[in-house]
Amino acid sequence: MKQKDFFIQVKKADVDDLWLLCSICRQSYSENFASHWNDGGLSWYLENVYGLEAIRSDLVNPDINYFVAYVDDEPAGFMKLKLHSSRSKQSERSELEIEKLYFRLPFKGKGIGRKLMSMAVQIARSLDKTIIWLGVIDTNESAIEFYKKMGFTFYDKVRLDVPYFKDELRGMWRMTLQL
């Protein structure tokens, strides 16, 4: 059976997209990570990270960019970039962080990740960044494999410090891509 070709479009989000962005962020995160939280944790996280005020605050910050990916005109996922984020004070000016990259489950494997990664690389180069970095839960093997295919390598391991998150899932890899 031949795989269907999908039309993927990516749009930079702005304040006019607040409701849509909150919705796609909450939905895609919940579909992928609801099981990672102890009781009450998911709702706490969604409100604090993907609530209207949290997203609005990010959208008016010139150092943060959100992008919404659409597949055949349906919101499928999002990416959040921090344009001036570093792993250490010494590298602050030369690094860009992909802070969030999540998709709704029906849209995984459709090429959205590759398209958003390509966009992140273009943005980083336009800003004269030499490194893109991200954090990924160390048990998320499919995401780690995807990032490796995109050229990212292991940098170090840290521990996620977020209330309500299951203790056995707090291990995080930081991965980097040299430009």
N, C-alpha and C. Protein backbone atom coordinates (compact mmCIF):
# COMPACT_ATOMS: atom_id res chain seq x y z
N MET A 1 0.84 -1.18 0.00
CA MET A 1 0.00 0.00 0.00
C MET A 1 0.88 1.25 0.00
N LYS A 2 0.60 2.16 -0.91
CA LYS A 2 1.38 3.39 -1.01
C LYS A 2 0.97 4.35 0.10
N GLN A 3 1.98 4.95 0.77
CA GLN A 3 1.70 5.92 1.83
C GLN A 3 1.19 7.22 1.20
N LYS A 4 0.18 7.78 1.82
CA LYS A 4 -0.41 9.03 1.37
C LYS A 4 0.59 10.17 1.56
N ASP A 5 0.63 11.06 0.58
CA ASP A 5 1.44 12.27 0.71
C ASP A 5 0.65 13.28 1.53
N PHE A 6 1.32 13.92 2.47
CA PHE A 6 0.67 14.89 3.34
C PHE A 6 1.18 16.27 3.01
N PHE A 7 0.28 17.23 3.05
CA PHE A 7 0.67 18.62 2.89
C PHE A 7 0.94 19.17 4.28
N ILE A 8 2.21 19.48 4.55
CA ILE A 8 2.61 20.01 5.86
C ILE A 8 2.90 21.49 5.70
N GLN A 9 2.27 22.27 6.54
CA GLN A 9 2.50 23.71 6.54
C GLN A 9 2.87 24.11 7.96
N VAL A 10 3.80 25.04 8.09
CA VAL A 10 4.21 25.54 9.40
C VAL A 10 4.00 27.04 9.42
N LYS A 11 3.37 27.50 10.50
CA LYS A 11 3.13 28.94 10.66
C LYS A 11 3.68 29.39 12.00
N LYS A 12 4.36 30.54 11.99
CA LYS A 12 4.81 31.13 13.24
C LYS A 12 3.58 31.67 13.97
N ALA A 13 3.47 31.35 15.24
CA ALA A 13 2.32 31.78 16.03
C ALA A 13 2.55 33.18 16.59
N ASP A 14 1.46 33.92 16.72
CA ASP A 14 1.51 35.23 17.39
C ASP A 14 0.33 35.31 18.35
N VAL A 15 0.14 36.45 18.96
CA VAL A 15 -0.89 36.60 20.00
C VAL A 15 -2.29 36.28 19.45
N ASP A 16 -2.52 36.51 18.17
CA ASP A 16 -3.82 36.17 17.57
C ASP A 16 -4.08 34.66 17.57
N ASP A 17 -3.02 33.89 17.73
CA ASP A 17 -3.14 32.42 17.73
C ASP A 17 -3.18 31.83 19.14
N LEU A 18 -3.40 32.68 20.14
CA LEU A 18 -3.31 32.25 21.54
C LEU A 18 -4.18 31.04 21.85
N TRP A 19 -5.44 31.08 21.50
CA TRP A 19 -6.35 29.97 21.83
C TRP A 19 -5.96 28.69 21.10
N LEU A 20 -5.65 28.83 19.82
CA LEU A 20 -5.23 27.67 19.03
C LEU A 20 -3.95 27.07 19.62
N LEU A 21 -2.99 27.92 19.95
CA LEU A 21 -1.72 27.44 20.47
C LEU A 21 -1.91 26.73 21.81
N CYS A 22 -2.70 27.32 22.70
CA CYS A 22 -2.97 26.66 23.99
C CYS A 22 -3.60 25.28 23.76
N SER A 23 -4.52 25.21 22.83
CA SER A 23 -5.20 23.95 22.55
C SER A 23 -4.25 22.89 22.00
N ILE A 24 -3.46 23.24 20.97
CA ILE A 24 -2.58 22.25 20.37
C ILE A 24 -1.46 21.86 21.33
N CYS A 25 -0.99 22.80 22.14
CA CYS A 25 0.04 22.48 23.13
C CYS A 25 -0.50 21.48 24.15
N ARG A 26 -1.66 21.78 24.70
CA ARG A 26 -2.26 20.90 25.71
C ARG A 26 -2.57 19.52 25.15
N GLN A 27 -3.16 19.51 23.97
CA GLN A 27 -3.56 18.24 23.38
C GLN A 27 -2.36 17.37 23.02
N SER A 28 -1.39 17.94 22.34
CA SER A 28 -0.25 17.12 21.92
C SER A 28 0.58 16.68 23.12
N TYR A 29 0.76 17.55 24.11
CA TYR A 29 1.51 17.14 25.29
C TYR A 29 0.78 16.04 26.05
N SER A 30 -0.52 16.22 26.27
CA SER A 30 -1.30 15.23 27.03
C SER A 30 -1.31 13.86 26.36
N GLU A 31 -1.48 13.85 25.04
CA GLU A 31 -1.51 12.58 24.32
C GLU A 31 -0.21 11.80 24.49
N ASN A 32 0.89 12.50 24.60
CA ASN A 32 2.19 11.85 24.68
C ASN A 32 2.71 11.60 26.08
N PHE A 33 2.32 12.44 27.06
CA PHE A 33 2.99 12.38 28.35
C PHE A 33 2.06 12.33 29.57
N ALA A 34 0.78 12.09 29.39
CA ALA A 34 -0.13 12.04 30.53
C ALA A 34 0.31 11.00 31.56
N SER A 35 0.85 9.90 31.10
CA SER A 35 1.24 8.81 32.00
C SER A 35 2.52 9.11 32.79
N HIS A 36 3.17 10.22 32.52
CA HIS A 36 4.42 10.56 33.19
C HIS A 36 4.22 11.31 34.51
N TRP A 37 2.96 11.57 34.85
CA TRP A 37 2.65 12.43 36.00
C TRP A 37 1.97 11.66 37.12
N ASN A 38 2.28 12.05 38.35
CA ASN A 38 1.55 11.56 39.51
C ASN A 38 0.22 12.30 39.57
N ASP A 39 -0.67 11.86 40.45
CA ASP A 39 -2.00 12.46 40.57
C ASP A 39 -1.94 13.98 40.68
N GLY A 40 -2.73 14.64 39.86
CA GLY A 40 -2.82 16.09 39.86
C GLY A 40 -1.71 16.80 39.09
N GLY A 41 -0.70 16.08 38.71
CA GLY A 41 0.45 16.70 38.06
C GLY A 41 0.20 17.18 36.66
N LEU A 42 -0.51 16.39 35.87
CA LEU A 42 -0.75 16.80 34.49
C LEU A 42 -1.54 18.09 34.44
N SER A 43 -2.62 18.19 35.19
CA SER A 43 -3.43 19.41 35.16
C SER A 43 -2.62 20.60 35.69
N TRP A 44 -1.80 20.39 36.71
CA TRP A 44 -0.93 21.45 37.22
C TRP A 44 0.01 21.94 36.12
N TYR A 45 0.67 20.99 35.43
CA TYR A 45 1.63 21.33 34.38
C TYR A 45 0.95 22.05 33.22
N LEU A 46 -0.18 21.52 32.77
CA LEU A 46 -0.87 22.14 31.64
C LEU A 46 -1.26 23.58 31.94
N GLU A 47 -1.70 23.84 33.15
CA GLU A 47 -2.08 25.21 33.49
C GLU A 47 -0.86 26.12 33.60
N ASN A 48 0.19 25.62 34.21
CA ASN A 48 1.38 26.45 34.43
C ASN A 48 2.24 26.65 33.19
N VAL A 49 2.23 25.70 32.28
CA VAL A 49 3.09 25.79 31.10
C VAL A 49 2.29 26.13 29.84
N TYR A 50 1.08 25.61 29.74
CA TYR A 50 0.27 25.80 28.54
C TYR A 50 -1.05 26.52 28.81
N GLY A 51 -1.15 27.21 29.92
CA GLY A 51 -2.32 28.03 30.20
C GLY A 51 -2.27 29.32 29.39
N LEU A 52 -3.39 30.00 29.31
CA LEU A 52 -3.48 31.23 28.51
C LEU A 52 -2.43 32.27 28.91
N GLU A 53 -2.27 32.48 30.20
CA GLU A 53 -1.31 33.52 30.63
C GLU A 53 0.13 33.11 30.36
N ALA A 54 0.45 31.83 30.54
CA ALA A 54 1.82 31.37 30.28
C ALA A 54 2.16 31.50 28.79
N ILE A 55 1.23 31.09 27.94
CA ILE A 55 1.47 31.17 26.50
C ILE A 55 1.51 32.64 26.05
N ARG A 56 0.58 33.45 26.56
CA ARG A 56 0.56 34.87 26.20
C ARG A 56 1.90 35.53 26.57
N SER A 57 2.41 35.22 27.74
CA SER A 57 3.69 35.77 28.18
C SER A 57 4.81 35.37 27.22
N ASP A 58 4.81 34.11 26.79
CA ASP A 58 5.82 33.65 25.83
C ASP A 58 5.67 34.36 24.49
N LEU A 59 4.44 34.53 24.02
CA LEU A 59 4.21 35.10 22.70
C LEU A 59 4.65 36.56 22.58
N VAL A 60 4.65 37.27 23.70
CA VAL A 60 5.08 38.67 23.64
C VAL A 60 6.58 38.82 23.92
N ASN A 61 7.24 37.71 24.21
CA ASN A 61 8.68 37.71 24.45
C ASN A 61 9.40 37.54 23.11
N PRO A 62 10.19 38.53 22.68
CA PRO A 62 10.85 38.42 21.37
C PRO A 62 11.91 37.32 21.30
N ASP A 63 12.32 36.77 22.44
CA ASP A 63 13.32 35.70 22.44
C ASP A 63 12.69 34.31 22.37
N ILE A 64 11.36 34.25 22.30
CA ILE A 64 10.66 32.96 22.22
C ILE A 64 9.79 32.95 20.97
N ASN A 65 9.90 31.88 20.20
CA ASN A 65 9.07 31.70 19.01
C ASN A 65 8.34 30.37 19.10
N TYR A 66 7.05 30.41 18.78
CA TYR A 66 6.25 29.20 18.64
C TYR A 66 5.90 29.01 17.18
N PHE A 67 5.86 27.77 16.76
CA PHE A 67 5.44 27.42 15.41
C PHE A 67 4.40 26.31 15.52
N VAL A 68 3.33 26.44 14.75
CA VAL A 68 2.29 25.41 14.70
C VAL A 68 2.41 24.70 13.37
N ALA A 69 2.44 23.37 13.43
CA ALA A 69 2.50 22.55 12.22
C ALA A 69 1.09 22.06 11.90
N TYR A 70 0.74 22.17 10.63
CA TYR A 70 -0.56 21.72 10.14
C TYR A 70 -0.33 20.61 9.14
N VAL A 71 -1.16 19.59 9.19
CA VAL A 71 -1.16 18.54 8.18
C VAL A 71 -2.53 18.61 7.51
N ASP A 72 -2.52 18.86 6.21
CA ASP A 72 -3.76 19.04 5.47
C ASP A 72 -4.70 20.00 6.19
N ASP A 73 -4.17 21.12 6.63
CA ASP A 73 -4.90 22.21 7.30
C ASP A 73 -5.38 21.89 8.71
N GLU A 74 -5.00 20.76 9.27
CA GLU A 74 -5.39 20.42 10.65
C GLU A 74 -4.19 20.62 11.58
N PRO A 75 -4.36 21.36 12.70
CA PRO A 75 -3.24 21.52 13.64
C PRO A 75 -2.76 20.16 14.14
N ALA A 76 -1.47 19.92 13.98
CA ALA A 76 -0.93 18.59 14.27
C ALA A 76 0.12 18.60 15.37
N GLY A 77 0.75 19.74 15.63
CA GLY A 77 1.80 19.81 16.64
C GLY A 77 2.40 21.19 16.69
N PHE A 78 3.45 21.31 17.50
CA PHE A 78 4.08 22.63 17.67
C PHE A 78 5.53 22.48 18.06
N MET A 79 6.25 23.59 17.90
CA MET A 79 7.64 23.70 18.34
C MET A 79 7.80 25.04 19.04
N LYS A 80 8.54 25.04 20.14
CA LYS A 80 8.88 26.27 20.86
C LYS A 80 10.39 26.41 20.83
N LEU A 81 10.85 27.57 20.34
CA LEU A 81 12.27 27.87 20.30
C LEU A 81 12.59 28.98 21.28
N LYS A 82 13.70 28.83 21.97
CA LYS A 82 14.28 29.92 22.75
C LYS A 82 15.50 30.37 21.97
N LEU A 83 15.42 31.58 21.44
CA LEU A 83 16.44 32.06 20.51
C LEU A 83 17.79 32.34 21.16
N HIS A 84 17.80 32.61 22.46
CA HIS A 84 19.04 32.92 23.17
C HIS A 84 19.07 32.13 24.49
N SER A 85 19.25 30.83 24.37
CA SER A 85 19.25 29.96 25.53
C SER A 85 20.50 29.09 25.47
N SER A 86 21.15 28.93 26.59
CA SER A 86 22.39 28.18 26.56
C SER A 86 22.47 27.18 27.71
N ARG A 87 23.39 26.27 27.52
CA ARG A 87 23.65 25.28 28.56
C ARG A 87 24.56 25.85 29.63
N SER A 88 25.28 26.94 29.31
CA SER A 88 26.18 27.57 30.27
C SER A 88 26.34 29.04 29.92
N LYS A 89 26.82 29.82 30.84
CA LYS A 89 27.00 31.26 30.62
C LYS A 89 28.00 31.54 29.49
N GLN A 90 28.99 30.68 29.32
CA GLN A 90 30.02 30.92 28.32
C GLN A 90 29.49 30.84 26.90
N SER A 91 28.42 30.09 26.68
CA SER A 91 27.94 29.86 25.31
C SER A 91 26.63 30.57 25.02
N GLU A 92 26.23 31.49 25.87
CA GLU A 92 24.91 32.10 25.78
C GLU A 92 24.58 32.68 24.41
N ARG A 93 25.50 33.36 23.80
CA ARG A 93 25.21 34.03 22.53
C ARG A 93 25.21 33.10 21.32
N SER A 94 25.79 31.94 21.45
CA SER A 94 25.96 31.09 20.28
C SER A 94 24.97 29.92 20.19
N GLU A 95 24.00 29.85 21.11
CA GLU A 95 23.12 28.69 21.15
C GLU A 95 21.64 29.04 21.03
N LEU A 96 20.90 28.13 20.42
CA LEU A 96 19.45 28.19 20.31
C LEU A 96 18.90 26.90 20.91
N GLU A 97 17.82 26.99 21.66
CA GLU A 97 17.22 25.81 22.28
C GLU A 97 15.89 25.48 21.64
N ILE A 98 15.73 24.21 21.31
CA ILE A 98 14.40 23.70 20.97
C ILE A 98 13.84 23.23 22.29
N GLU A 99 12.98 24.06 22.89
CA GLU A 99 12.46 23.73 24.22
C GLU A 99 11.33 22.72 24.17
N LYS A 100 10.48 22.82 23.16
CA LYS A 100 9.34 21.91 23.03
C LYS A 100 9.19 21.51 21.57
N LEU A 101 8.86 20.26 21.35
CA LEU A 101 8.59 19.74 20.01
C LEU A 101 7.66 18.55 20.19
N TYR A 102 6.37 18.78 20.06
CA TYR A 102 5.37 17.74 20.32
C TYR A 102 4.34 17.69 19.20
N PHE A 103 3.83 16.48 18.95
CA PHE A 103 2.83 16.25 17.93
C PHE A 103 1.71 15.41 18.48
N ARG A 104 0.53 15.62 17.95
CA ARG A 104 -0.59 14.75 18.28
C ARG A 104 -0.28 13.36 17.74
N LEU A 105 -0.69 12.34 18.46
CA LEU A 105 -0.33 10.97 18.10
C LEU A 105 -0.70 10.57 16.67
N PRO A 106 -1.87 10.95 16.15
CA PRO A 106 -2.18 10.52 14.77
C PRO A 106 -1.24 11.08 13.71
N PHE A 107 -0.44 12.07 14.06
CA PHE A 107 0.41 12.73 13.08
C PHE A 107 1.89 12.36 13.21
N LYS A 108 2.22 11.48 14.12
CA LYS A 108 3.62 11.07 14.24
C LYS A 108 4.02 10.27 13.01
N GLY A 109 5.27 10.45 12.59
CA GLY A 109 5.78 9.72 11.44
C GLY A 109 5.36 10.28 10.09
N LYS A 110 4.87 11.49 10.07
CA LYS A 110 4.39 12.11 8.83
C LYS A 110 5.37 13.13 8.27
N GLY A 111 6.53 13.32 8.92
CA GLY A 111 7.53 14.25 8.42
C GLY A 111 7.49 15.61 9.08
N ILE A 112 6.61 15.80 10.05
CA ILE A 112 6.49 17.09 10.72
C ILE A 112 7.78 17.43 11.47
N GLY A 113 8.31 16.46 12.19
CA GLY A 113 9.53 16.69 12.97
C GLY A 113 10.68 17.15 12.09
N ARG A 114 10.87 16.47 10.96
CA ARG A 114 11.95 16.85 10.04
C ARG A 114 11.75 18.28 9.52
N LYS A 115 10.50 18.61 9.20
CA LYS A 115 10.22 19.95 8.68
C LYS A 115 10.50 21.01 9.74
N LEU A 116 10.06 20.77 10.99
CA LEU A 116 10.31 21.74 12.05
C LEU A 116 11.80 21.82 12.39
N MET A 117 12.50 20.71 12.38
CA MET A 117 13.94 20.72 12.64
C MET A 117 14.67 21.54 11.58
N SER A 118 14.28 21.37 10.34
CA SER A 118 14.88 22.15 9.25
C SER A 118 14.65 23.64 9.48
N MET A 119 13.47 23.98 9.92
CA MET A 119 13.16 25.39 10.21
C MET A 119 14.02 25.90 11.36
N ALA A 120 14.19 25.09 12.41
CA ALA A 120 15.02 25.50 13.55
C ALA A 120 16.46 25.74 13.12
N VAL A 121 16.97 24.89 12.25
CA VAL A 121 18.34 25.06 11.74
C VAL A 121 18.45 26.35 10.94
N GLN A 122 17.49 26.62 10.08
CA GLN A 122 17.51 27.86 9.30
C GLN A 122 17.50 29.09 10.20
N ILE A 123 16.65 29.07 11.22
CA ILE A 123 16.56 30.20 12.15
C ILE A 123 17.88 30.36 12.90
N ALA A 124 18.42 29.25 13.38
CA ALA A 124 19.69 29.31 14.12
C ALA A 124 20.80 29.90 13.24
N ARG A 125 20.88 29.46 12.02
CA ARG A 125 21.92 29.99 11.12
C ARG A 125 21.71 31.47 10.84
N SER A 126 20.45 31.88 10.69
CA SER A 126 20.18 33.30 10.42
C SER A 126 20.56 34.17 11.61
N LEU A 127 20.61 33.59 12.80
CA LEU A 127 21.00 34.31 14.01
C LEU A 127 22.47 34.08 14.38
N ASP A 128 23.22 33.45 13.47
CA ASP A 128 24.64 33.14 13.69
C ASP A 128 24.88 32.26 14.90
N LYS A 129 23.98 31.34 15.16
CA LYS A 129 24.15 30.37 16.25
C LYS A 129 25.05 29.25 15.75
N THR A 130 25.81 28.67 16.64
CA THR A 130 26.68 27.56 16.25
C THR A 130 26.20 26.22 16.82
N ILE A 131 25.25 26.29 17.75
CA ILE A 131 24.74 25.07 18.39
C ILE A 131 23.24 25.18 18.60
N ILE A 132 22.53 24.10 18.31
CA ILE A 132 21.14 23.93 18.72
C ILE A 132 21.15 22.85 19.77
N TRP A 133 20.43 23.06 20.86
CA TRP A 133 20.37 22.04 21.90
C TRP A 133 18.93 21.81 22.34
N LEU A 134 18.73 20.68 22.99
CA LEU A 134 17.41 20.31 23.48
C LEU A 134 17.56 19.32 24.62
N GLY A 135 16.49 19.14 25.36
CA GLY A 135 16.43 18.13 26.40
C GLY A 135 15.38 17.10 26.04
N VAL A 136 15.65 15.86 26.35
CA VAL A 136 14.71 14.78 26.06
C VAL A 136 14.75 13.78 27.21
N ILE A 137 13.60 13.30 27.62
CA ILE A 137 13.53 12.29 28.69
C ILE A 137 14.32 11.07 28.24
N ASP A 138 15.19 10.58 29.10
CA ASP A 138 16.11 9.51 28.68
C ASP A 138 15.44 8.18 28.38
N THR A 139 14.18 8.01 28.77
CA THR A 139 13.44 6.79 28.45
C THR A 139 12.65 6.94 27.14
N ASN A 140 12.68 8.11 26.53
CA ASN A 140 11.94 8.36 25.29
C ASN A 140 12.84 7.95 24.11
N GLU A 141 12.96 6.65 23.93
CA GLU A 141 13.89 6.11 22.94
C GLU A 141 13.57 6.53 21.52
N SER A 142 12.30 6.62 21.16
CA SER A 142 11.96 7.00 19.79
C SER A 142 12.37 8.44 19.51
N ALA A 143 12.19 9.33 20.47
CA ALA A 143 12.61 10.72 20.28
C ALA A 143 14.13 10.80 20.20
N ILE A 144 14.83 10.08 21.05
CA ILE A 144 16.30 10.09 21.02
C ILE A 144 16.79 9.60 19.65
N GLU A 145 16.20 8.54 19.14
CA GLU A 145 16.60 8.02 17.82
C GLU A 145 16.33 9.04 16.73
N PHE A 146 15.18 9.71 16.80
CA PHE A 146 14.86 10.74 15.82
C PHE A 146 15.91 11.85 15.87
N TYR A 147 16.23 12.33 17.06
CA TYR A 147 17.22 13.42 17.18
C TYR A 147 18.59 12.97 16.67
N LYS A 148 18.97 11.74 16.94
CA LYS A 148 20.24 11.22 16.41
C LYS A 148 20.23 11.23 14.88
N LYS A 149 19.11 10.82 14.28
CA LYS A 149 19.00 10.84 12.82
C LYS A 149 19.12 12.25 12.27
N MET A 150 18.71 13.22 13.06
CA MET A 150 18.78 14.63 12.65
C MET A 150 20.17 15.22 12.91
N GLY A 151 21.10 14.42 13.47
CA GLY A 151 22.47 14.87 13.67
C GLY A 151 22.82 15.28 15.10
N PHE A 152 21.86 15.18 16.02
CA PHE A 152 22.13 15.54 17.41
C PHE A 152 22.96 14.44 18.08
N THR A 153 23.79 14.85 19.03
CA THR A 153 24.59 13.91 19.81
C THR A 153 24.38 14.17 21.29
N PHE A 154 24.64 13.16 22.09
CA PHE A 154 24.53 13.26 23.54
C PHE A 154 25.52 14.28 24.06
N TYR A 155 25.05 15.17 24.93
CA TYR A 155 25.94 16.15 25.55
C TYR A 155 26.14 15.82 27.02
N ASP A 156 25.05 15.71 27.78
CA ASP A 156 25.15 15.32 29.18
C ASP A 156 23.79 14.87 29.68
N LYS A 157 23.78 14.43 30.91
CA LYS A 157 22.55 13.97 31.53
C LYS A 157 22.25 14.88 32.72
N VAL A 158 20.98 15.29 32.83
CA VAL A 158 20.52 16.12 33.94
C VAL A 158 19.26 15.47 34.51
N ARG A 159 18.80 16.05 35.58
CA ARG A 159 17.59 15.53 36.22
C ARG A 159 16.50 16.59 36.16
N LEU A 160 15.34 16.20 35.68
CA LEU A 160 14.19 17.10 35.57
C LEU A 160 13.69 17.44 36.96
N ASP A 161 13.52 18.72 37.21
CA ASP A 161 13.09 19.18 38.52
C ASP A 161 11.72 19.87 38.38
N VAL A 162 10.67 19.06 38.28
CA VAL A 162 9.31 19.56 38.12
C VAL A 162 8.42 18.82 39.12
N PRO A 163 7.61 19.55 39.89
CA PRO A 163 6.73 18.88 40.85
C PRO A 163 5.78 17.90 40.16
N TYR A 164 5.42 16.85 40.84
CA TYR A 164 4.43 15.85 40.42
C TYR A 164 4.92 14.89 39.34
N PHE A 165 6.09 15.12 38.76
CA PHE A 165 6.58 14.24 37.70
C PHE A 165 7.07 12.94 38.33
N LYS A 166 6.76 11.82 37.71
CA LYS A 166 7.16 10.52 38.27
C LYS A 166 8.68 10.45 38.38
N ASP A 167 9.13 10.03 39.55
CA ASP A 167 10.55 10.03 39.87
C ASP A 167 11.39 9.21 38.89
N GLU A 168 10.88 8.06 38.47
CA GLU A 168 11.65 7.18 37.59
C GLU A 168 11.79 7.73 36.17
N LEU A 169 11.11 8.82 35.86
CA LEU A 169 11.16 9.40 34.52
C LEU A 169 11.87 10.76 34.48
N ARG A 170 12.54 11.11 35.56
CA ARG A 170 13.16 12.44 35.65
C ARG A 170 14.51 12.56 34.95
N GLY A 171 15.06 11.46 34.49
CA GLY A 171 16.34 11.53 33.78
C GLY A 171 16.18 12.19 32.43
N MET A 172 17.06 13.16 32.14
CA MET A 172 16.99 13.89 30.88
C MET A 172 18.35 13.88 30.20
N TRP A 173 18.34 13.66 28.91
CA TRP A 173 19.54 13.85 28.11
C TRP A 173 19.47 15.27 27.53
N ARG A 174 20.59 15.95 27.55
CA ARG A 174 20.72 17.16 26.76
C ARG A 174 21.52 16.75 25.54
N MET A 175 20.99 17.12 24.37
CA MET A 175 21.61 16.75 23.10
C MET A 175 21.91 18.02 22.32
N THR A 176 22.97 17.98 21.53
CA THR A 176 23.38 19.16 20.77
C THR A 176 23.57 18.83 19.29
N LEU A 177 23.36 19.85 18.49
CA LEU A 177 23.63 19.79 17.05
C LEU A 177 24.57 20.92 16.73
N GLN A 178 25.75 20.58 16.23
CA GLN A 178 26.75 21.58 15.82
C GLN A 178 26.38 22.07 14.43
N LEU A 179 26.33 23.38 14.27
CA LEU A 179 26.03 23.96 12.95
C LEU A 179 27.30 24.38 12.24
